[in-house]
N, C-alpha and C. Protein backbone atom coordinates (compact mmCIF):
# COMPACT_ATOMS: atom_id res chain seq x y z
N UNK A 1 0.80 -1.03 0.10
CA UNK A 1 0.19 0.36 0.15
C UNK A 1 1.07 1.45 0.39
N UNK A 2 0.06 2.06 -0.06
CA UNK A 2 1.14 3.51 -0.38
C UNK A 2 1.44 3.83 1.02
N UNK A 3 2.26 4.87 1.81
CA UNK A 3 2.25 5.11 2.31
C UNK A 3 1.70 6.11 2.99
N UNK A 4 1.50 6.66 4.57
CA UNK A 4 0.55 7.57 5.04
C UNK A 4 1.36 8.72 4.71
N UNK A 5 0.00 9.29 4.75
CA UNK A 5 0.51 10.72 4.50
C UNK A 5 0.32 11.65 6.26
N UNK A 6 0.89 12.86 6.63
CA UNK A 6 1.80 13.35 7.61
C UNK A 6 0.07 13.63 7.93
N UNK A 7 0.26 13.28 9.28
CA UNK A 7 -0.64 13.92 10.32
C UNK A 7 -1.79 12.68 10.34
N UNK A 8 -1.70 12.03 9.46
CA UNK A 8 -3.00 10.48 9.40
C UNK A 8 -2.87 10.21 10.50
N UNK A 9 -3.97 9.65 11.19
CA UNK A 9 -3.86 8.39 12.70
C UNK A 9 -5.15 7.36 12.47
N UNK A 10 -5.32 6.49 12.78
CA UNK A 10 -6.15 5.22 12.66
C UNK A 10 -5.13 4.00 12.28
N UNK A 11 -5.99 3.26 12.20
CA UNK A 11 -5.77 2.30 11.19
C UNK A 11 -5.49 2.29 9.84
N UNK A 12 -3.92 1.43 9.29
CA UNK A 12 -3.54 1.91 7.76
C UNK A 12 -3.54 -0.19 7.35
N UNK A 13 -4.40 0.57 6.37
CA UNK A 13 -4.26 -1.54 5.48
C UNK A 13 -2.55 -1.51 4.84
N UNK A 14 -3.10 -3.07 5.61
CA UNK A 14 -1.86 -3.32 4.98
C UNK A 14 -1.74 -4.23 3.42
N UNK A 15 -2.72 -4.88 3.59
CA UNK A 15 -3.68 -5.43 2.23
C UNK A 15 -4.75 -5.34 2.01
N UNK A 16 -5.19 -5.50 0.70
CA UNK A 16 -6.34 -5.25 0.78
C UNK A 16 -6.07 -6.55 -0.69
N UNK A 17 -7.00 -7.80 -1.07
CA UNK A 17 -6.83 -9.25 -1.59
C UNK A 17 -7.86 -8.86 -2.02
N UNK A 18 -7.92 -8.92 -3.57
CA UNK A 18 -9.41 -9.52 -3.93
C UNK A 18 -9.47 -11.14 -3.91
N UNK A 19 -10.52 -11.78 -3.52
CA UNK A 19 -10.60 -13.16 -3.42
C UNK A 19 -10.29 -13.97 -4.60
N UNK A 20 -10.19 -14.98 -4.99
CA UNK A 20 -10.26 -15.81 -6.48
C UNK A 20 -11.43 -15.25 -7.28
N UNK A 21 -12.63 -15.80 -6.47
CA UNK A 21 -13.84 -16.05 -7.06
C UNK A 21 -13.76 -14.44 -7.09
N UNK A 22 -13.46 -13.67 -7.05
CA UNK A 22 -14.64 -11.92 -6.63
C UNK A 22 -15.44 -11.58 -5.99
N UNK A 23 -15.54 -12.65 -5.11
CA UNK A 23 -17.25 -12.96 -4.37
C UNK A 23 -16.74 -12.18 -2.86
N UNK A 24 -15.51 -11.40 -2.94
CA UNK A 24 -14.98 -11.07 -1.43
C UNK A 24 -13.93 -10.19 -1.29
N UNK A 25 -13.55 -9.47 -0.59
CA UNK A 25 -11.81 -8.75 -0.66
C UNK A 25 -11.39 -9.36 1.12
N UNK A 26 -10.78 -9.32 0.78
CA UNK A 26 -9.39 -9.78 2.15
C UNK A 26 -9.15 -8.54 2.59
N UNK A 27 -8.83 -8.19 3.55
CA UNK A 27 -8.37 -6.63 4.58
C UNK A 27 -7.22 -6.94 5.70
N UNK A 28 -6.35 -6.91 5.51
CA UNK A 28 -5.52 -6.39 6.84
C UNK A 28 -5.70 -5.53 6.91
N UNK A 29 -5.05 -5.01 8.62
CA UNK A 29 -4.96 -3.44 9.49
C UNK A 29 -3.59 -3.30 9.93
N UNK A 30 -3.23 -2.32 9.86
CA UNK A 30 -1.88 -2.38 10.43
C UNK A 30 -1.70 -2.80 12.03
N UNK A 31 -3.22 -2.56 12.36
CA UNK A 31 -3.47 -3.03 14.47
C UNK A 31 -3.86 -4.28 14.28
N UNK A 32 -3.42 -4.99 13.71
CA UNK A 32 -4.07 -6.27 13.77
C UNK A 32 -5.49 -6.40 13.64
N UNK A 33 -5.98 -5.76 13.13
CA UNK A 33 -7.98 -6.52 12.72
C UNK A 33 -7.69 -6.89 10.83
N UNK A 34 -8.21 -8.02 11.42
CA UNK A 34 -8.32 -7.90 9.89
C UNK A 34 -9.81 -8.76 9.63
N UNK A 35 -10.61 -9.13 8.09
CA UNK A 35 -11.32 -10.14 8.15
C UNK A 35 -11.65 -10.22 6.56
N UNK A 36 -12.35 -10.96 5.94
CA UNK A 36 -13.54 -11.29 4.47
C UNK A 36 -14.32 -10.31 4.32
N UNK A 37 -15.22 -9.21 3.70
CA UNK A 37 -15.78 -8.84 3.74
C UNK A 37 -16.29 -9.28 2.56
N UNK A 38 -17.57 -9.61 1.28
CA UNK A 38 -18.14 -10.14 0.42
C UNK A 38 -18.78 -9.24 -0.09
N UNK A 39 -18.60 -9.61 -1.23
CA UNK A 39 -18.69 -8.80 -2.36
C UNK A 39 -20.03 -8.03 -2.06
N UNK A 40 -21.02 -9.00 -2.15
CA UNK A 40 -22.45 -8.76 -1.15
C UNK A 40 -22.61 -7.54 -0.19
N UNK A 41 -21.81 -7.52 0.48
CA UNK A 41 -21.61 -6.91 2.20
C UNK A 41 -21.67 -5.36 1.74
N UNK A 42 -20.05 -5.41 0.90
CA UNK A 42 -19.76 -4.29 0.01
C UNK A 42 -20.65 -3.64 -0.68
N UNK A 43 -20.92 -4.43 -1.75
CA UNK A 43 -22.14 -3.45 -2.45
C UNK A 43 -23.10 -2.79 -1.72
N UNK A 44 -24.00 -3.71 -0.58
CA UNK A 44 -24.91 -2.92 0.09
C UNK A 44 -24.81 -2.50 0.75
N UNK A 45 -23.94 -1.97 1.78
CA UNK A 45 -23.41 -1.11 2.20
C UNK A 45 -22.34 0.02 1.90
N UNK A 46 -22.61 -0.08 0.30
CA UNK A 46 -21.39 1.29 -0.66
C UNK A 46 -21.81 2.69 0.31
N UNK A 47 -20.45 2.86 0.51
CA UNK A 47 -20.83 4.74 1.25
C UNK A 47 -21.03 5.43 -0.15
N UNK A 48 -22.34 5.06 -1.14
CA UNK A 48 -22.08 5.55 -2.07
C UNK A 48 -23.40 6.98 -2.09
N UNK A 49 -23.31 8.31 -2.31
CA UNK A 49 -24.85 9.17 -2.70
C UNK A 49 -26.07 7.98 -3.35
N UNK A 50 -25.78 7.14 -3.91
CA UNK A 50 -27.00 6.31 -4.42
C UNK A 50 -27.49 5.66 -3.49
N UNK A 51 -26.64 4.30 -2.82
CA UNK A 51 -26.94 4.15 -1.50
C UNK A 51 -27.06 4.30 -0.48
N UNK A 52 -25.99 4.79 -0.20
CA UNK A 52 -26.35 6.31 1.37
C UNK A 52 -27.28 7.45 1.67
N UNK A 53 -27.93 8.38 0.33
CA UNK A 53 -28.15 9.31 0.28
C UNK A 53 -27.40 10.39 0.80
N UNK A 54 -28.06 11.30 1.37
CA UNK A 54 -27.14 12.75 1.64
C UNK A 54 -27.63 12.74 3.50
N UNK A 55 -28.37 11.54 3.66
CA UNK A 55 -28.46 11.50 5.52
C UNK A 55 -28.66 10.16 5.97
N UNK A 56 -28.91 9.83 7.09
CA UNK A 56 -29.54 8.54 7.47
C UNK A 56 -30.59 8.05 7.35
N UNK A 57 -31.78 9.22 7.17
CA UNK A 57 -32.87 8.90 6.82
C UNK A 57 -33.11 8.92 5.03
N UNK A 58 -32.21 8.88 3.99
CA UNK A 58 -32.28 8.73 2.94
C UNK A 58 -32.09 7.41 2.68
N UNK A 59 -31.09 6.35 3.37
CA UNK A 59 -29.98 5.62 3.03
C UNK A 59 -31.22 4.63 2.44
N UNK A 60 -30.54 4.16 1.26
CA UNK A 60 -31.89 2.93 0.62
C UNK A 60 -31.33 1.20 0.67
N UNK A 61 -31.84 0.78 1.14
CA UNK A 61 -31.76 -1.06 0.74
C UNK A 61 -31.94 -1.45 -0.43
N UNK A 62 -30.41 -2.12 -0.35
CA UNK A 62 -30.34 -2.65 -2.16
C UNK A 62 -30.64 -4.02 -1.68
N UNK A 63 -31.20 -4.38 -2.47
CA UNK A 63 -31.45 -6.43 -2.27
C UNK A 63 -31.03 -6.74 -4.00
N UNK A 64 -31.09 -8.12 -3.69
CA UNK A 64 -30.94 -8.45 -4.85
C UNK A 64 -29.89 -8.81 -5.40
N UNK A 65 -28.88 -8.71 -4.55
CA UNK A 65 -27.33 -8.80 -4.73
C UNK A 65 -26.30 -9.90 -4.57
N UNK A 66 -26.99 -10.35 -4.38
CA UNK A 66 -26.76 -12.05 -3.20
C UNK A 66 -25.24 -12.76 -4.92
N UNK A 67 -25.61 -12.41 -5.69
CA UNK A 67 -24.70 -12.87 -7.01
C UNK A 67 -23.61 -11.76 -7.04
N UNK A 68 -23.62 -10.40 -7.06
CA UNK A 68 -22.89 -9.42 -7.05
C UNK A 68 -21.05 -9.74 -6.97
N UNK A 69 -20.49 -9.28 -8.25
CA UNK A 69 -18.83 -9.73 -7.59
C UNK A 69 -18.13 -8.54 -7.82
N UNK A 70 -17.09 -8.28 -7.13
CA UNK A 70 -15.96 -7.35 -7.78
C UNK A 70 -15.83 -7.59 -9.15
N UNK A 71 -15.73 -6.27 -10.27
CA UNK A 71 -15.19 -6.59 -11.10
C UNK A 71 -13.64 -5.88 -10.94
N UNK A 72 -13.61 -4.68 -9.83
CA UNK A 72 -11.67 -3.97 -10.25
C UNK A 72 -11.99 -3.08 -8.87
N UNK A 73 -10.45 -3.21 -8.58
CA UNK A 73 -9.99 -2.23 -7.14
C UNK A 73 -9.49 -1.08 -8.01
N UNK A 74 -9.71 -0.04 -7.16
CA UNK A 74 -9.29 1.32 -8.09
C UNK A 74 -9.15 2.50 -6.96
N UNK A 75 -7.47 2.37 -6.45
CA UNK A 75 -6.94 3.07 -5.83
C UNK A 75 -7.42 4.08 -5.57
N UNK A 76 -7.62 4.88 -4.25
CA UNK A 76 -7.95 6.60 -4.72
C UNK A 76 -6.99 7.17 -3.53
N UNK A 77 -5.74 7.97 -4.93
CA UNK A 77 -4.75 8.68 -3.04
C UNK A 77 -4.53 7.94 -2.27
N UNK A 78 -4.10 7.75 -1.26
CA UNK A 78 -3.70 6.56 -0.65
C UNK A 78 -4.76 7.16 0.72
N UNK A 79 -5.95 7.21 0.33
CA UNK A 79 -6.84 6.88 1.23
C UNK A 79 -8.38 6.07 1.24
N UNK A 80 -8.66 5.76 0.20
CA UNK A 80 -9.66 5.19 -0.36
C UNK A 80 -9.75 4.07 -1.12
N UNK A 81 -9.98 3.61 -1.42
CA UNK A 81 -10.52 2.49 -2.62
C UNK A 81 -11.64 2.51 -3.50
N UNK A 82 -11.95 2.85 -4.73
CA UNK A 82 -12.95 2.47 -5.64
C UNK A 82 -13.21 1.02 -5.46
N UNK A 83 -14.19 0.74 -5.32
CA UNK A 83 -14.87 -0.40 -5.93
C UNK A 83 -15.58 -0.44 -6.49
N UNK A 84 -15.32 -1.36 -8.19
CA UNK A 84 -16.54 -1.67 -9.32
C UNK A 84 -17.09 -2.85 -9.17
N UNK A 85 -18.48 -3.16 -9.29
CA UNK A 85 -18.80 -4.59 -9.09
C UNK A 85 -19.64 -4.36 -10.43
N UNK A 86 -19.79 -5.90 -10.65
CA UNK A 86 -20.62 -6.27 -11.98
C UNK A 86 -21.55 -5.77 -12.24
N UNK A 87 -22.30 -5.89 -11.48
CA UNK A 87 -23.89 -4.91 -11.84
C UNK A 87 -23.58 -3.07 -11.93
N UNK A 88 -22.40 -2.96 -12.32
CA UNK A 88 -22.02 -1.25 -12.50
C UNK A 88 -21.55 -0.50 -11.54
N UNK A 89 -22.08 -0.58 -10.27
CA UNK A 89 -21.98 0.41 -9.32
C UNK A 89 -20.66 0.53 -9.34
N UNK A 90 -20.33 1.89 -9.43
CA UNK A 90 -18.56 2.21 -9.31
C UNK A 90 -18.82 3.26 -8.22
N UNK A 91 -19.12 4.02 -7.97
CA UNK A 91 -19.53 4.98 -7.04
C UNK A 91 -19.58 5.56 -5.53
N UNK A 92 -18.93 4.22 -4.73
CA UNK A 92 -18.77 4.00 -3.71
C UNK A 92 -17.47 4.18 -3.19
N UNK A 93 -16.76 5.16 -2.44
CA UNK A 93 -14.97 5.46 -2.29
C UNK A 93 -14.93 4.76 -0.87
N UNK A 94 -14.90 3.58 -0.15
CA UNK A 94 -14.28 3.31 0.88
C UNK A 94 -12.73 3.86 1.29
N UNK A 95 -13.26 4.63 2.40
CA UNK A 95 -11.65 5.12 2.96
C UNK A 95 -11.23 3.69 4.38
N UNK A 96 -10.49 3.90 4.98
CA UNK A 96 -9.74 3.12 5.40
C UNK A 96 -10.76 3.13 6.63
N UNK A 97 -11.07 3.75 7.30
CA UNK A 97 -11.42 3.92 8.94
C UNK A 97 -12.79 3.38 7.94
N UNK A 98 -13.81 3.68 6.99
CA UNK A 98 -14.86 2.68 7.00
C UNK A 98 -14.58 1.69 6.75
N UNK A 99 -13.53 1.07 5.66
CA UNK A 99 -12.84 -0.53 5.43
C UNK A 99 -13.26 -1.17 7.07
N UNK A 100 -12.15 -0.48 8.06
CA UNK A 100 -12.24 -1.01 9.61
C UNK A 100 -13.40 -1.32 10.11
N UNK A 101 -13.75 -0.24 10.09
CA UNK A 101 -15.60 -0.33 10.32
C UNK A 101 -16.09 -1.48 9.93
N UNK A 102 -16.28 -1.88 8.76
CA UNK A 102 -17.25 -2.97 8.47
C UNK A 102 -16.18 -4.00 8.78
N UNK A 103 -14.89 -4.16 8.73
CA UNK A 103 -14.78 -5.80 9.42
C UNK A 103 -15.23 -5.90 10.45
N UNK A 104 -14.78 -5.16 10.96
CA UNK A 104 -15.50 -4.81 12.76
C UNK A 104 -16.55 -5.60 13.11
N UNK A 105 -17.42 -4.61 12.51
CA UNK A 105 -18.90 -3.89 12.78
C UNK A 105 -19.93 -4.96 11.69
N UNK A 106 -18.73 -5.84 10.58
CA UNK A 106 -19.85 -6.68 9.84
C UNK A 106 -20.92 -7.40 10.54
N UNK A 107 -20.71 -8.05 11.47
CA UNK A 107 -21.85 -8.75 12.00
C UNK A 107 -23.18 -8.31 12.30
N UNK A 108 -23.10 -7.39 12.80
CA UNK A 108 -23.94 -6.20 13.24
C UNK A 108 -24.59 -5.57 12.00
N UNK A 109 -24.34 -5.07 11.26
CA UNK A 109 -24.81 -4.29 10.00
C UNK A 109 -25.04 -5.51 8.98
N UNK A 110 -24.86 -6.81 8.68
CA UNK A 110 -24.93 -8.03 8.11
C UNK A 110 -26.70 -8.71 8.42
N UNK A 111 -26.65 -8.50 10.44
CA UNK A 111 -28.31 -8.38 10.83
C UNK A 111 -28.85 -7.43 10.29
N UNK A 112 -28.63 -6.04 10.54
CA UNK A 112 -29.29 -4.58 10.02
C UNK A 112 -29.88 -4.56 8.57
N UNK A 113 -28.49 -5.27 7.89
CA UNK A 113 -29.31 -5.19 6.58
C UNK A 113 -30.39 -6.59 6.52
N UNK A 114 -30.60 -7.72 6.66
CA UNK A 114 -31.42 -8.68 7.00
C UNK A 114 -32.56 -8.53 7.31
N UNK A 115 -32.12 -7.31 8.08
CA UNK A 115 -33.73 -7.03 8.70
C UNK A 115 -34.48 -5.95 8.10
N UNK A 116 -33.87 -5.08 7.37
CA UNK A 116 -34.42 -4.33 6.42
C UNK A 116 -35.04 -4.94 5.61
N UNK A 117 -34.40 -6.05 5.06
CA UNK A 117 -35.12 -6.78 3.88
C UNK A 117 -36.12 -7.66 4.41
N UNK A 118 -36.20 -7.68 5.18
CA UNK A 118 -37.03 -9.03 5.93
C UNK A 118 -38.76 -7.81 5.63
N UNK A 119 -38.13 -6.16 6.94
CA UNK A 119 -39.26 -5.14 6.54
C UNK A 119 -39.17 -4.94 5.32
N UNK A 120 -39.25 -5.08 4.15
CA UNK A 120 -39.30 -4.16 3.21
C UNK A 120 -40.04 -5.39 2.10
N UNK A 121 -39.72 -6.91 2.67
CA UNK A 121 -40.34 -7.47 2.06
C UNK A 121 -39.35 -7.81 0.57
N UNK A 122 -38.09 -7.65 0.69
CA UNK A 122 -36.82 -7.90 -0.05
C UNK A 122 -36.34 -9.00 0.40
N UNK A 123 -35.37 -9.29 -1.43
CA UNK A 123 -34.78 -10.60 -0.53
C UNK A 123 -33.15 -10.04 -1.59
N UNK A 124 -32.17 -10.95 -0.95
CA UNK A 124 -31.32 -10.85 -1.45
C UNK A 124 -30.82 -11.30 -2.51
């Protein structure tokens, strides 16, 4: 990965590795936090305005992404990665802090997503 910026704080990714089936991203941070984030999880929790909206009340629940794959990873400076999905979605910039939070809070975020789907009568 690219070196840290002056004044940067927080964990720094040591490795971002696309799984061979392109169905997930393995992430390792320099503070020992590591995990695998599925392509579906990353897609439905995209930080893009299309998914996130412009406030908490605007967040959209995205269903039907069980089989989505990661088409490409594009570094954005030394602070984020753009994930391009095979469904054409490519507007989310995943900063290091967000990716680390996703690894740490993955179970709770996934449960929240599944509850939203059930509440709205949507499927994965």
